[in-house]
Amino acid sequence: MSNAPEWLPALRLLDELGGDWHRFLLELYNLFYRDFRMSRPRFRGLPVVYDTRISEGKEEGFWHLISEVDKDSGDRNVVLRRCERIAWVRPIIEQADDPRVSVWSNRRGTHRRILLWLEEQDYLVVLEEKKKFFVLVTAYCTDSEHTRRRLRQERRNTGSS
């Protein structure tokens, strides 16, 4: 990975566990637990929380980081590229002042969202702003040209970095 910030952890690869999906899922959850349950990251001085509702034995906040919703069925499908980057979420939140992280806000309905985009690594973290905290909404790879164009345009329109 060229030009990766020194604070960005290595990818977590399924192959490193011999392709054992259950061990891999457990490792991913342990990283989530460490980064979001053992202590809370802070953004702009406020805590970052996540959706604590339980689905399939794990918090919805965890599933939102490693899966996406199928538009046809409404089911959540695990995305390996998201899984590999789960350890990136907290460092991006905590290093949002790094000039390599673009930060801007948008609106989704009545919700104000904060986008943290590590553009060179094609990875976006989305937070929702509340009065006394931020909610971790999702994080995903921005590796399609359509997505990159849309994000660049939105960022330009807000006048942010």
C-alpha atoms as a PDB file:
ATOM      1  CA  MET A   1       0.000   0.000   0.000  1.00  0.00           C
ATOM      2  CA  SER A   2       1.829   3.084  -1.205  1.00  0.00           C
ATOM      3  CA  ASN A   3       1.869   6.264   0.846  1.00  0.00           C
ATOM      4  CA  ALA A   4      -0.102   4.746   3.715  1.00  0.00           C
ATOM      5  CA  PRO A   5       0.065   6.880   6.856  1.00  0.00           C
ATOM      6  CA  GLU A   6       2.372   5.461   9.525  1.00  0.00           C
ATOM      7  CA  TRP A   7      -0.552   5.352  11.977  1.00  0.00           C
ATOM      8  CA  LEU A   8      -2.634   3.075   9.726  1.00  0.00           C
ATOM      9  CA  PRO A   9      -2.559  -0.595  10.869  1.00  0.00           C
ATOM     10  CA  ALA A  10      -1.860  -3.450   8.474  1.00  0.00           C
ATOM     11  CA  LEU A  11      -4.760  -5.152   6.747  1.00  0.00           C
ATOM     12  CA  ARG A  12      -6.228  -8.210   8.492  1.00  0.00           C
ATOM     13  CA  LEU A  13      -6.205 -10.979   5.905  1.00  0.00           C
ATOM     14  CA  LEU A  14      -8.271 -14.150   5.931  1.00  0.00           C
ATOM     15  CA  ASP A  15      -5.348 -16.015   4.343  1.00  0.00           C
ATOM     16  CA  GLU A  16      -3.208 -15.273   7.407  1.00  0.00           C
ATOM     17  CA  LEU A  17      -5.553 -17.574   9.344  1.00  0.00           C
ATOM     18  CA  GLY A  18      -5.422 -20.305   6.738  1.00  0.00           C
ATOM     19  CA  GLY A  19      -8.794 -19.276   5.320  1.00  0.00           C
ATOM     20  CA  ASP A  20     -10.583 -20.216   8.563  1.00  0.00           C
ATOM     21  CA  TRP A  21     -13.649 -17.958   8.386  1.00  0.00           C
ATOM     22  CA  HIS A  22     -14.752 -18.551  12.005  1.00  0.00           C
ATOM     23  CA  ARG A  23     -11.324 -17.641  13.408  1.00  0.00           C
ATOM     24  CA  PHE A  24     -11.203 -14.619  11.098  1.00  0.00           C
ATOM     25  CA  LEU A  25     -14.629 -13.395  12.241  1.00  0.00           C
ATOM     26  CA  LEU A  26     -13.564 -13.842  15.866  1.00  0.00           C
ATOM     27  CA  GLU A  27     -10.389 -11.803  15.243  1.00  0.00           C
ATOM     28  CA  LEU A  28     -12.408  -9.058  13.542  1.00  0.00           C
ATOM     29  CA  TYR A  29     -14.828  -8.933  16.453  1.00  0.00           C
ATOM     30  CA  ASN A  30     -11.945  -8.820  18.938  1.00  0.00           C
ATOM     31  CA  LEU A  31     -10.551  -5.790  17.085  1.00  0.00           C
ATOM     32  CA  PHE A  32     -13.968  -4.114  17.155  1.00  0.00           C
ATOM     33  CA  TYR A  33     -14.294  -4.936  20.871  1.00  0.00           C
ATOM     34  CA  ARG A  34     -10.853  -3.468  21.593  1.00  0.00           C
ATOM     35  CA  ASP A  35     -11.410  -0.313  19.533  1.00  0.00           C
ATOM     36  CA  PHE A  36     -15.012   0.499  20.456  1.00  0.00           C
ATOM     37  CA  ARG A  37     -16.065  -1.348  23.614  1.00  0.00           C
ATOM     38  CA  MET A  38     -12.929  -1.372  25.788  1.00  0.00           C
ATOM     39  CA  SER A  39     -12.659   2.389  25.296  1.00  0.00           C
ATOM     40  CA  ARG A  40     -14.398   4.899  23.094  1.00  0.00           C
ATOM     41  CA  PRO A  41     -12.594   6.871  20.441  1.00  0.00           C
ATOM     42  CA  ARG A  42     -13.222  10.603  20.486  1.00  0.00           C
ATOM     43  CA  PHE A  43     -13.884  12.938  17.597  1.00  0.00           C
ATOM     44  CA  ARG A  44     -13.799  16.713  18.101  1.00  0.00           C
ATOM     45  CA  GLY A  45     -13.642  16.075  21.834  1.00  0.00           C
ATOM     46  CA  LEU A  46     -16.828  13.980  21.939  1.00  0.00           C
ATOM     47  CA  PRO A  47     -17.166  10.197  22.324  1.00  0.00           C
ATOM     48  CA  VAL A  48     -17.950   8.013  19.337  1.00  0.00           C
ATOM     49  CA  VAL A  49     -20.593   5.372  20.041  1.00  0.00           C
ATOM     50  CA  TYR A  50     -22.120   2.665  17.845  1.00  0.00           C
ATOM     51  CA  ASP A  51     -25.379   0.765  17.392  1.00  0.00           C
ATOM     52  CA  THR A  52     -25.463  -1.700  20.292  1.00  0.00           C
ATOM     53  CA  ARG A  53     -28.517  -3.669  19.137  1.00  0.00           C
ATOM     54  CA  ILE A  54     -27.618  -7.354  18.830  1.00  0.00           C
ATOM     55  CA  SER A  55     -27.966  -9.295  15.598  1.00  0.00           C
ATOM     56  CA  GLU A  56     -26.540 -12.783  15.136  1.00  0.00           C
ATOM     57  CA  GLY A  57     -24.806 -12.483  18.506  1.00  0.00           C
ATOM     58  CA  LYS A  58     -22.897  -9.287  17.717  1.00  0.00           C
ATOM     59  CA  GLU A  59     -23.626  -5.572  17.782  1.00  0.00           C
ATOM     60  CA  GLU A  60     -25.145  -3.938  14.705  1.00  0.00           C
ATOM     61  CA  GLY A  61     -22.270  -1.436  14.823  1.00  0.00           C
ATOM     62  CA  PHE A  62     -19.862  -4.304  14.126  1.00  0.00           C
ATOM     63  CA  TRP A  63     -21.910  -5.642  11.213  1.00  0.00           C
ATOM     64  CA  HIS A  64     -22.106  -2.144   9.683  1.00  0.00           C
ATOM     65  CA  LEU A  65     -18.309  -2.080   9.451  1.00  0.00           C
ATOM     66  CA  ILE A  66     -17.869  -5.459   7.745  1.00  0.00           C
ATOM     67  CA  SER A  67     -20.979  -5.835   5.596  1.00  0.00           C
ATOM     68  CA  GLU A  68     -23.351  -4.016   3.275  1.00  0.00           C
ATOM     69  CA  VAL A  69     -27.067  -4.278   2.597  1.00  0.00           C
ATOM     70  CA  ASP A  70     -28.151  -6.085  -0.548  1.00  0.00           C
ATOM     71  CA  LYS A  71     -30.492  -3.650  -2.313  1.00  0.00           C
ATOM     72  CA  ASP A  72     -32.740  -6.447  -3.590  1.00  0.00           C
ATOM     73  CA  SER A  73     -33.103  -8.714  -0.560  1.00  0.00           C
ATOM     74  CA  GLY A  74     -32.360  -6.292   2.274  1.00  0.00           C
ATOM     75  CA  ASP A  75     -29.954  -8.868   3.760  1.00  0.00           C
ATOM     76  CA  ARG A  76     -26.529  -7.870   5.040  1.00  0.00           C
ATOM     77  CA  ASN A  77     -23.657  -9.465   3.121  1.00  0.00           C
ATOM     78  CA  VAL A  78     -20.138  -9.584   4.532  1.00  0.00           C
ATOM     79  CA  VAL A  79     -17.595  -7.811   2.312  1.00  0.00           C
ATOM     80  CA  LEU A  80     -14.054  -9.125   2.636  1.00  0.00           C
ATOM     81  CA  ARG A  81     -12.440  -5.765   1.790  1.00  0.00           C
ATOM     82  CA  ARG A  82     -14.382  -4.147   4.658  1.00  0.00           C
ATOM     83  CA  CYS A  83     -13.338  -6.951   6.987  1.00  0.00           C
ATOM     84  CA  GLU A  84      -9.670  -6.493   6.123  1.00  0.00           C
ATOM     85  CA  ARG A  85      -9.843  -2.817   7.106  1.00  0.00           C
ATOM     86  CA  ILE A  86     -11.786  -2.959  10.384  1.00  0.00           C
ATOM     87  CA  ALA A  87      -8.670  -1.932  12.349  1.00  0.00           C
ATOM     88  CA  TRP A  88      -8.526   1.291  10.287  1.00  0.00           C
ATOM     89  CA  VAL A  89     -11.747   2.818  11.618  1.00  0.00           C
ATOM     90  CA  ARG A  90     -10.558   4.050  15.012  1.00  0.00           C
ATOM     91  CA  PRO A  91      -7.201   5.428  13.771  1.00  0.00           C
ATOM     92  CA  ILE A  92      -8.953   7.394  11.015  1.00  0.00           C
ATOM     93  CA  ILE A  93     -11.345   8.887  13.575  1.00  0.00           C
ATOM     94  CA  GLU A  94      -8.496   9.739  15.917  1.00  0.00           C
ATOM     95  CA  GLN A  95      -6.209  11.060  13.158  1.00  0.00           C
ATOM     96  CA  ALA A  96      -8.871  13.175  11.442  1.00  0.00           C
ATOM     97  CA  ASP A  97      -6.601  16.237  11.757  1.00  0.00           C
ATOM     98  CA  ASP A  98      -4.002  14.575   9.525  1.00  0.00           C
ATOM     99  CA  PRO A  99      -4.088  16.435   6.180  1.00  0.00           C
ATOM    100  CA  ARG A 100      -4.356  13.067   4.379  1.00  0.00           C
ATOM    101  CA  VAL A 101      -7.845  12.638   5.889  1.00  0.00           C
ATOM    102  CA  SER A 102     -10.509  14.787   4.231  1.00  0.00           C
ATOM    103  CA  VAL A 103     -13.291  15.759   6.618  1.00  0.00           C
ATOM    104  CA  TRP A 104     -16.604  17.371   5.667  1.00  0.00           C
ATOM    105  CA  SER A 105     -20.268  17.134   6.559  1.00  0.00           C
ATOM    106  CA  ASN A 106     -23.450  16.455   4.651  1.00  0.00           C
ATOM    107  CA  ARG A 107     -27.111  15.891   5.383  1.00  0.00           C
ATOM    108  CA  ARG A 108     -29.049  12.670   4.996  1.00  0.00           C
ATOM    109  CA  GLY A 109     -32.631  13.626   5.732  1.00  0.00           C
ATOM    110  CA  THR A 110     -32.565  15.364   9.111  1.00  0.00           C
ATOM    111  CA  HIS A 111     -29.242  13.778  10.072  1.00  0.00           C
ATOM    112  CA  ARG A 112     -25.918  15.585   9.873  1.00  0.00           C
ATOM    113  CA  ARG A 113     -23.179  13.206   8.829  1.00  0.00           C
ATOM    114  CA  ILE A 114     -19.439  13.698   9.100  1.00  0.00           C
ATOM    115  CA  LEU A 115     -17.353  12.001   6.419  1.00  0.00           C
ATOM    116  CA  LEU A 116     -13.717  11.098   7.030  1.00  0.00           C
ATOM    117  CA  TRP A 117     -12.104  10.013   3.789  1.00  0.00           C
ATOM    118  CA  LEU A 118      -8.616   8.569   3.570  1.00  0.00           C
ATOM    119  CA  GLU A 119      -8.691   9.059  -0.173  1.00  0.00           C
ATOM    120  CA  GLU A 120      -5.287   7.591  -1.054  1.00  0.00           C
ATOM    121  CA  GLN A 121      -6.345   4.319   0.587  1.00  0.00           C
ATOM    122  CA  ASP A 122      -9.915   4.461  -0.796  1.00  0.00           C
ATOM    123  CA  TYR A 123     -11.572   4.231   2.623  1.00  0.00           C
ATOM    124  CA  LEU A 124     -14.391   6.272   4.152  1.00  0.00           C
ATOM    125  CA  VAL A 125     -15.684   6.440   7.727  1.00  0.00           C
ATOM    126  CA  VAL A 126     -19.134   7.938   8.325  1.00  0.00           C
ATOM    127  CA  LEU A 127     -20.210   9.415  11.662  1.00  0.00           C
ATOM    128  CA  GLU A 128     -23.539  10.953  12.598  1.00  0.00           C
ATOM    129  CA  GLU A 129     -23.398  14.083  14.725  1.00  0.00           C
ATOM    130  CA  LYS A 130     -25.511  14.306  17.877  1.00  0.00           C
ATOM    131  CA  LYS A 131     -25.413  17.004  20.573  1.00  0.00           C
ATOM    132  CA  LYS A 132     -23.054  15.239  22.990  1.00  0.00           C
ATOM    133  CA  PHE A 133     -21.555  12.413  20.929  1.00  0.00           C
ATOM    134  CA  PHE A 134     -21.051  10.982  17.448  1.00  0.00           C
ATOM    135  CA  VAL A 135     -22.509   7.715  16.198  1.00  0.00           C
ATOM    136  CA  LEU A 136     -20.369   5.443  14.049  1.00  0.00           C
ATOM    137  CA  VAL A 137     -22.646   4.776  11.070  1.00  0.00           C
ATOM    138  CA  THR A 138     -20.438   2.763   8.722  1.00  0.00           C
ATOM    139  CA  ALA A 139     -17.084   2.529   6.981  1.00  0.00           C
ATOM    140  CA  TYR A 140     -16.350   1.208   3.518  1.00  0.00           C
ATOM    141  CA  CYS A 141     -13.982   1.061   0.577  1.00  0.00           C
ATOM    142  CA  THR A 142     -14.364   3.787  -2.017  1.00  0.00           C
ATOM    143  CA  ASP A 143     -12.777   1.871  -4.837  1.00  0.00           C
ATOM    144  CA  SER A 144     -15.298   2.538  -7.596  1.00  0.00           C
ATOM    145  CA  GLU A 145     -14.655   5.564  -9.784  1.00  0.00           C
ATOM    146  CA  HIS A 146     -18.323   6.565  -9.499  1.00  0.00           C
ATOM    147  CA  THR A 147     -18.064   6.678  -5.683  1.00  0.00           C
ATOM    148  CA  ARG A 148     -14.814   8.656  -5.783  1.00  0.00           C
ATOM    149  CA  ARG A 149     -16.281  11.200  -8.212  1.00  0.00           C
ATOM    150  CA  ARG A 150     -19.395  11.619  -6.050  1.00  0.00           C
ATOM    151  CA  LEU A 151     -17.334  12.096  -2.870  1.00  0.00           C
ATOM    152  CA  ARG A 152     -14.957  14.573  -4.522  1.00  0.00           C
ATOM    153  CA  GLN A 153     -17.891  16.596  -5.825  1.00  0.00           C
ATOM    154  CA  GLU A 154     -19.601  16.601  -2.443  1.00  0.00           C
ATOM    155  CA  ARG A 155     -16.356  17.614  -0.722  1.00  0.00           C
ATOM    156  CA  ARG A 156     -15.857  20.469  -3.231  1.00  0.00           C
ATOM    157  CA  ASN A 157     -19.417  21.667  -2.714  1.00  0.00           C
ATOM    158  CA  THR A 158     -18.901  21.954   1.036  1.00  0.00           C
ATOM    159  CA  GLY A 159     -15.634  23.852   0.679  1.00  0.00           C
ATOM    160  CA  SER A 160     -13.861  21.385   2.965  1.00  0.00           C
ATOM    161  CA  SER A 161     -10.435  19.788   2.664  1.00  0.00           C
END
